C-alpha atoms as a PDB file:
ATOM      1  CA  LYS A   1      -0.007   0.216  -0.155  1.00  0.00           C
ATOM      2  CA  ILE A   2       1.036   3.783  -0.581  1.00  0.00           C
ATOM      3  CA  GLU A   3      -0.028   6.893   1.290  1.00  0.00           C
ATOM      4  CA  LEU A   4       0.599  10.147   0.004  1.00  0.00           C
ATOM      5  CA  LEU A   5       0.844  12.731   2.695  1.00  0.00           C
ATOM      6  CA  GLY A   6      -0.021  16.682   2.047  1.00  0.00           C
ATOM      7  CA  ALA A   7      -0.119  16.342  -1.686  1.00  0.00           C
ATOM      8  CA  PRO A   8      -2.438  18.338  -3.350  1.00  0.00           C
ATOM      9  CA  ALA A   9      -6.010  16.729  -5.580  1.00  0.00           C
ATOM     10  CA  GLY A  10      -5.008  15.546  -8.626  1.00  0.00           C
ATOM     11  CA  VAL A  11      -2.171  14.045  -8.491  1.00  0.00           C
ATOM     12  CA  GLU A  12      -1.732  10.622 -10.109  1.00  0.00           C
ATOM     13  CA  LEU A  13       0.490   7.617  -9.163  1.00  0.00           C
ATOM     14  CA  ARG A  14       0.954   4.987 -11.902  1.00  0.00           C
ATOM     15  CA  VAL A  15       3.121   1.469 -12.317  1.00  0.00           C
ATOM     16  CA  GLY A  16       3.599   1.250 -16.014  1.00  0.00           C
ATOM     17  CA  ASN A  17       0.035   1.564 -17.139  1.00  0.00           C
ATOM     18  CA  LYS A  18      -2.030   0.400 -14.097  1.00  0.00           C
ATOM     19  CA  LEU A  19      -2.934   3.349 -12.649  1.00  0.00           C
ATOM     20  CA  LEU A  20      -2.909   3.140  -8.913  1.00  0.00           C
ATOM     21  CA  GLY A  21      -5.200   6.592  -7.884  1.00  0.00           C
ATOM     22  CA  ARG A  22      -5.589  10.067  -7.972  1.00  0.00           C
ATOM     23  CA  THR A  23      -5.102  12.607  -4.619  1.00  0.00           C
ATOM     24  CA  ASP A  24      -8.241  14.473  -3.678  1.00  0.00           C
ATOM     25  CA  GLY A  25      -6.374  17.208  -1.815  1.00  0.00           C
ATOM     26  CA  SER A  26      -6.926  15.248   1.538  1.00  0.00           C
ATOM     27  CA  ALA A  27      -4.019  15.083   4.277  1.00  0.00           C
ATOM     28  CA  ASP A  28      -2.586  11.638   3.746  1.00  0.00           C
ATOM     29  CA  PHE A  29      -4.279   9.890   0.678  1.00  0.00           C
ATOM     30  CA  PRO A  30      -3.932   6.304   0.660  1.00  0.00           C
ATOM     31  CA  PHE A  31      -3.925   4.514  -2.559  1.00  0.00           C
ATOM     32  CA  PRO A  32      -6.499   1.795  -2.991  1.00  0.00           C
ATOM     33  CA  GLU A  33      -3.987  -0.577  -5.365  1.00  0.00           C
ATOM     34  CA  THR A  34      -1.373  -2.401  -4.291  1.00  0.00           C
ATOM     35  CA  VAL A  35       2.285  -2.749  -5.962  1.00  0.00           C
ATOM     36  CA  VAL A  36       3.656  -6.249  -5.689  1.00  0.00           C
ATOM     37  CA  PRO A  37       6.992  -6.252  -3.702  1.00  0.00           C
ATOM     38  CA  GLY A  38      10.446  -5.787  -5.369  1.00  0.00           C
ATOM     39  CA  ARG A  39      11.757  -2.769  -7.228  1.00  0.00           C
ATOM     40  CA  GLU A  40       9.518  -0.822  -9.107  1.00  0.00           C
ATOM     41  CA  THR A  41       9.079   2.644 -10.660  1.00  0.00           C
ATOM     42  CA  LEU A  42       6.113   4.984  -9.589  1.00  0.00           C
ATOM     43  CA  LEU A  43       5.345   7.487 -12.242  1.00  0.00           C
ATOM     44  CA  VAL A  44       3.838  10.393 -10.801  1.00  0.00           C
ATOM     45  CA  SER A  45       1.802  13.242 -12.460  1.00  0.00           C
ATOM     46  CA  GLU A  46       1.142  16.634 -11.631  1.00  0.00           C
ATOM     47  CA  GLY A  47       0.006  19.512 -13.547  1.00  0.00           C
ATOM     48  CA  GLY A  48       0.720  17.705 -16.638  1.00  0.00           C
ATOM     49  CA  ALA A  49       4.514  16.627 -15.915  1.00  0.00           C
ATOM     50  CA  SER A  50       5.368  13.370 -15.076  1.00  0.00           C
ATOM     51  CA  TRP A  51       8.499  11.738 -13.507  1.00  0.00           C
ATOM     52  CA  PRO A  52       9.880   8.248 -12.539  1.00  0.00           C
ATOM     53  CA  TYR A  53      10.023   7.930  -8.435  1.00  0.00           C
ATOM     54  CA  PRO A  54      11.866   4.535  -7.496  1.00  0.00           C
ATOM     55  CA  HIS A  55      11.546   2.226  -4.607  1.00  0.00           C
ATOM     56  CA  GLU A  56      12.402  -1.265  -3.506  1.00  0.00           C
ATOM     57  CA  PHE A  57       8.942  -2.289  -2.170  1.00  0.00           C
ATOM     58  CA  GLN A  58       9.116  -4.712   0.842  1.00  0.00           C
ATOM     59  CA  PRO A  59       6.028  -7.503   1.375  1.00  0.00           C
ATOM     60  CA  GLU A  60       3.293  -6.431   3.310  1.00  0.00           C
ATOM     61  CA  GLU A  61       4.838  -2.563   3.347  1.00  0.00           C
ATOM     62  CA  THR A  62       2.690   0.348   3.470  1.00  0.00           C
ATOM     63  CA  LEU A  63       4.756   3.138   2.146  1.00  0.00           C
ATOM     64  CA  LYS A  64       3.928   6.548   3.443  1.00  0.00           C
ATOM     65  CA  LEU A  65       5.295   9.311   0.923  1.00  0.00           C
ATOM     66  CA  PRO A  66       5.354  13.138   2.293  1.00  0.00           C
ATOM     67  CA  TRP A  67       4.431  14.773  -0.603  1.00  0.00           C
ATOM     68  CA  LYS A  68       7.242  17.332  -0.133  1.00  0.00           C
ATOM     69  CA  ASP A  69       9.872  14.743  -0.577  1.00  0.00           C
ATOM     70  CA  VAL A  70       8.028  13.325  -4.020  1.00  0.00           C
ATOM     71  CA  ALA A  71       7.597  16.598  -5.508  1.00  0.00           C
ATOM     72  CA  ALA A  72      11.630  17.520  -4.555  1.00  0.00           C
ATOM     73  CA  SER A  73      12.206  14.426  -6.767  1.00  0.00           C
ATOM     74  CA  ARG A  74      10.490  16.234  -9.840  1.00  0.00           C
ATOM     75  CA  PRO A  75      13.399  16.783 -12.433  1.00  0.00           C
ATOM     76  CA  GLN A  76      13.088  20.442 -13.238  1.00  0.00           C
ATOM     77  CA  ASN A  77      12.624  20.402 -16.659  1.00  0.00           C
ATOM     78  CA  VAL A  78      10.251  17.348 -17.464  1.00  0.00           C
ATOM     79  CA  LYS A  79       8.330  17.234 -21.041  1.00  0.00           C
ATOM     80  CA  PRO A  80       4.570  16.891 -20.871  1.00  0.00           C
ATOM     81  CA  PRO A  81       3.696  13.159 -21.883  1.00  0.00           C
ATOM     82  CA  ILE A  82       2.033  12.829 -24.929  1.00  0.00           C
ATOM     83  CA  ASN A  83      -1.257  10.593 -24.510  1.00  0.00           C
ATOM     84  CA  GLN A  84      -0.697   7.554 -26.238  1.00  0.00           C
ATOM     85  CA  PRO A  85      -3.092   4.481 -27.112  1.00  0.00           C
ATOM     86  CA  ALA A  86      -3.185   1.768 -24.559  1.00  0.00           C
ATOM     87  CA  ASN A  87      -0.439  -1.237 -24.965  1.00  0.00           C
ATOM     88  CA  PRO A  88      -0.879  -3.861 -27.787  1.00  0.00           C
ATOM     89  CA  PRO A  89      -0.619  -7.408 -26.594  1.00  0.00           C
ATOM     90  CA  ALA A  90       3.012  -8.767 -25.682  1.00  0.00           C
ATOM     91  CA  ALA A  91       4.623 -11.007 -27.939  1.00  0.00           C
ATOM     92  CA  GLU A  92       4.921 -14.725 -26.592  1.00  0.00           C
ATOM     93  CA  GLU A  93       8.504 -15.303 -25.435  1.00  0.00           C
ATOM     94  CA  ASP A  94       9.162 -17.526 -28.284  1.00  0.00           C
ATOM     95  CA  ASP A  95       7.928 -15.782 -31.085  1.00  0.00           C
ATOM     96  CA  PRO A  96      10.847 -16.305 -33.681  1.00  0.00           C
ATOM     97  CA  SER A  97       9.211 -12.628 -34.947  1.00  0.00           C
ATOM     98  CA  VAL A  98      10.040 -10.750 -32.263  1.00  0.00           C
ATOM     99  CA  PRO A  99      13.646  -9.745 -32.789  1.00  0.00           C
ATOM    100  CA  LEU A 100      16.829  -9.988 -30.036  1.00  0.00           C
ATOM    101  CA  TYR A 101      17.350  -5.793 -30.429  1.00  0.00           C
ATOM    102  CA  ALA A 102      15.986  -2.995 -32.473  1.00  0.00           C
ATOM    103  CA  THR A 103      16.097   0.783 -32.409  1.00  0.00           C
ATOM    104  CA  LEU A 104      13.678   3.608 -31.805  1.00  0.00           C
ATOM    105  CA  THR A 105      13.989   7.033 -32.831  1.00  0.00           C
ATOM    106  CA  TRP A 106      12.234  10.091 -30.740  1.00  0.00           C
ATOM    107  CA  ARG A 107      11.655  13.033 -32.924  1.00  0.00           C
ATOM    108  CA  SER A 108      10.745  15.931 -30.471  1.00  0.00           C
ATOM    109  CA  ARG A 109      12.512  19.225 -28.917  1.00  0.00           C
ATOM    110  CA  LEU A 110      13.927  17.690 -25.825  1.00  0.00           C
ATOM    111  CA  GLU A 111      15.675  20.950 -24.313  1.00  0.00           C
ATOM    112  CA  ASP A 112      19.158  20.313 -21.966  1.00  0.00           C
ATOM    113  CA  GLY A 113      18.316  18.933 -18.734  1.00  0.00           C
ATOM    114  CA  GLU A 114      14.842  17.982 -20.006  1.00  0.00           C
ATOM    115  CA  THR A 115      13.203  14.741 -19.100  1.00  0.00           C
ATOM    116  CA  VAL A 116      10.445  12.558 -21.141  1.00  0.00           C
ATOM    117  CA  VAL A 117       8.763   9.081 -19.969  1.00  0.00           C
ATOM    118  CA  ILE A 118       7.804   6.873 -23.426  1.00  0.00           C
ATOM    119  CA  ASN A 119       5.688   4.129 -23.980  1.00  0.00           C
ATOM    120  CA  GLY A 120       8.030   2.449 -26.137  1.00  0.00           C
ATOM    121  CA  ARG A 121       5.065  -0.350 -26.937  1.00  0.00           C
ATOM    122  CA  VAL A 122       2.966   2.441 -29.391  1.00  0.00           C
ATOM    123  CA  LEU A 123       4.678   4.020 -31.930  1.00  0.00           C
ATOM    124  CA  ILE A 124       3.609   7.948 -32.398  1.00  0.00           C
ATOM    125  CA  PRO A 125       3.431   9.440 -35.770  1.00  0.00           C
ATOM    126  CA  ASN A 126       5.877  12.341 -35.607  1.00  0.00           C
ATOM    127  CA  HIS A 127       7.314  11.399 -32.178  1.00  0.00           C
ATOM    128  CA  LEU A 128       8.497   8.104 -31.979  1.00  0.00           C
ATOM    129  CA  ALA A 129       9.280   5.815 -35.133  1.00  0.00           C
ATOM    130  CA  GLY A 130      11.375   2.235 -35.106  1.00  0.00           C
ATOM    131  CA  ILE A 131      10.191  -1.288 -33.647  1.00  0.00           C
ATOM    132  CA  GLN A 132       8.060  -0.894 -30.850  1.00  0.00           C
ATOM    133  CA  LEU A 133       9.061  -2.561 -27.675  1.00  0.00           C
ATOM    134  CA  PRO A 134       7.797  -6.056 -27.493  1.00  0.00           C
ATOM    135  CA  GLY A 135       5.891  -6.126 -24.248  1.00  0.00           C
ATOM    136  CA  LEU A 136       8.875  -8.749 -22.534  1.00  0.00           C
ATOM    137  CA  PRO A 137      11.937  -7.928 -20.395  1.00  0.00           C
ATOM    138  CA  VAL A 138      14.300  -5.382 -22.340  1.00  0.00           C
ATOM    139  CA  THR A 139      16.872  -2.883 -21.681  1.00  0.00           C
ATOM    140  CA  VAL A 140      17.104   0.358 -23.155  1.00  0.00           C
ATOM    141  CA  SER A 141      19.921   3.040 -23.901  1.00  0.00           C
ATOM    142  CA  ALA A 142      20.178   5.671 -25.681  1.00  0.00           C
ATOM    143  CA  THR A 143      22.856   5.513 -28.734  1.00  0.00           C
ATOM    144  CA  THR A 144      22.667   9.445 -29.171  1.00  0.00           C
ATOM    145  CA  PRO A 145      25.485  10.782 -27.457  1.00  0.00           C
ATOM    146  CA  GLY A 146      24.977  12.900 -23.995  1.00  0.00           C
ATOM    147  CA  VAL A 147      21.487  11.142 -23.854  1.00  0.00           C
ATOM    148  CA  THR A 148      20.969   8.754 -20.229  1.00  0.00           C
ATOM    149  CA  VAL A 149      18.266   6.705 -19.606  1.00  0.00           C
ATOM    150  CA  ILE A 150      16.944   7.315 -16.049  1.00  0.00           C
ATOM    151  CA  GLN A 151      14.181   4.576 -15.840  1.00  0.00           C
ATOM    152  CA  GLN A 152      14.010   1.094 -16.999  1.00  0.00           C
ATOM    153  CA  PRO A 153      10.847  -0.920 -18.846  1.00  0.00           C
ATOM    154  CA  SER A 154      10.055  -3.177 -15.527  1.00  0.00           C
ATOM    155  CA  PRO A 155       7.527  -6.116 -15.116  1.00  0.00           C
ATOM    156  CA  GLY A 156       5.334  -3.222 -13.041  1.00  0.00           C
ATOM    157  CA  ASP A 157       4.369  -1.235 -16.444  1.00  0.00           C
ATOM    158  CA  GLN A 158       4.565  -5.130 -18.574  1.00  0.00           C
ATOM    159  CA  TRP A 159       8.044  -3.373 -20.076  1.00  0.00           C
ATOM    160  CA  SER A 160       6.662  -0.719 -21.754  1.00  0.00           C
ATOM    161  CA  THR A 161       7.800   2.888 -19.950  1.00  0.00           C
ATOM    162  CA  PHE A 162      11.238   4.407 -20.138  1.00  0.00           C
ATOM    163  CA  ALA A 163      12.311   8.039 -19.149  1.00  0.00           C
ATOM    164  CA  ILE A 164      15.244   9.443 -20.714  1.00  0.00           C
ATOM    165  CA  ARG A 165      16.910  12.977 -19.826  1.00  0.00           C
ATOM    166  CA  ASN A 166      19.067  15.484 -22.492  1.00  0.00           C
ATOM    167  CA  ASP A 167      22.380  15.997 -20.602  1.00  0.00           C
ATOM    168  CA  SER A 168      24.004  16.721 -23.932  1.00  0.00           C
ATOM    169  CA  LYS A 169      24.285  21.008 -22.807  1.00  0.00           C
ATOM    170  CA  ARG A 170      21.850  21.426 -25.828  1.00  0.00           C
ATOM    171  CA  PRO A 171      18.746  21.120 -27.498  1.00  0.00           C
ATOM    172  CA  LEU A 172      17.887  17.482 -29.437  1.00  0.00           C
ATOM    173  CA  ASP A 173      15.319  17.577 -32.037  1.00  0.00           C
ATOM    174  CA  MET A 174      16.105  13.670 -32.744  1.00  0.00           C
ATOM    175  CA  ILE A 175      17.251  11.126 -30.258  1.00  0.00           C
ATOM    176  CA  ARG A 176      18.057   7.089 -31.375  1.00  0.00           C
ATOM    177  CA  LEU A 177      17.594   4.370 -29.045  1.00  0.00           C
ATOM    178  CA  ARG A 178      18.185   0.689 -28.899  1.00  0.00           C
ATOM    179  CA  TRP A 179      16.348  -2.309 -27.172  1.00  0.00           C
ATOM    180  CA  GLN A 180      17.329  -5.107 -26.354  1.00  0.00           C
ATOM    181  CA  ARG A 181      15.741  -8.350 -25.169  1.00  0.00           C
ATOM    182  CA  ILE A 182      16.486  -9.969 -21.912  1.00  0.00           C
ATOM    183  CA  ARG A 183      16.485 -13.802 -22.359  1.00  0.00           C
ATOM    184  CA  GLN A 184      14.856 -15.160 -19.471  1.00  0.00           C
ATOM    185  CA  LYS A 185      16.490 -18.613 -17.787  1.00  0.00           C
END
């Protein structure tokens, strides 16, 4: 369970595409949905901005998060998310048509120091092109110099969501990314 303490109304918490809830402005807001134990990255959304908040969840834990700490983790320059449709069904692990690695290209201005959260399972005309993430375990890396992947896809978001930050000291209009499948043993 998660409780957000002192948050304004309208703050959303997600794990991947799963909405945990939206605050109502009460002093202590308990989210009705639970999070599975393990390392997960919450996606916090407030006022048109979204940012990752990683945490190692323990079994039976009730995480009490002061809003001031969550708000302080917000990167200074976060690009508003682009509305994307729901994820397509995940590929089968043994599907021979799913490549072991592939590339994606993000085409949208990303200022120096700005962060964007991307759903790599849904291609967006004029923004995200290439071969979408398969919904299987993957890692994402940036091949454009000066770009850092600050959040990897995880089981909690059905291996779909990642975040990148521009650390290149200049604005970028195109960012090349590479994803690679993680073989399960």
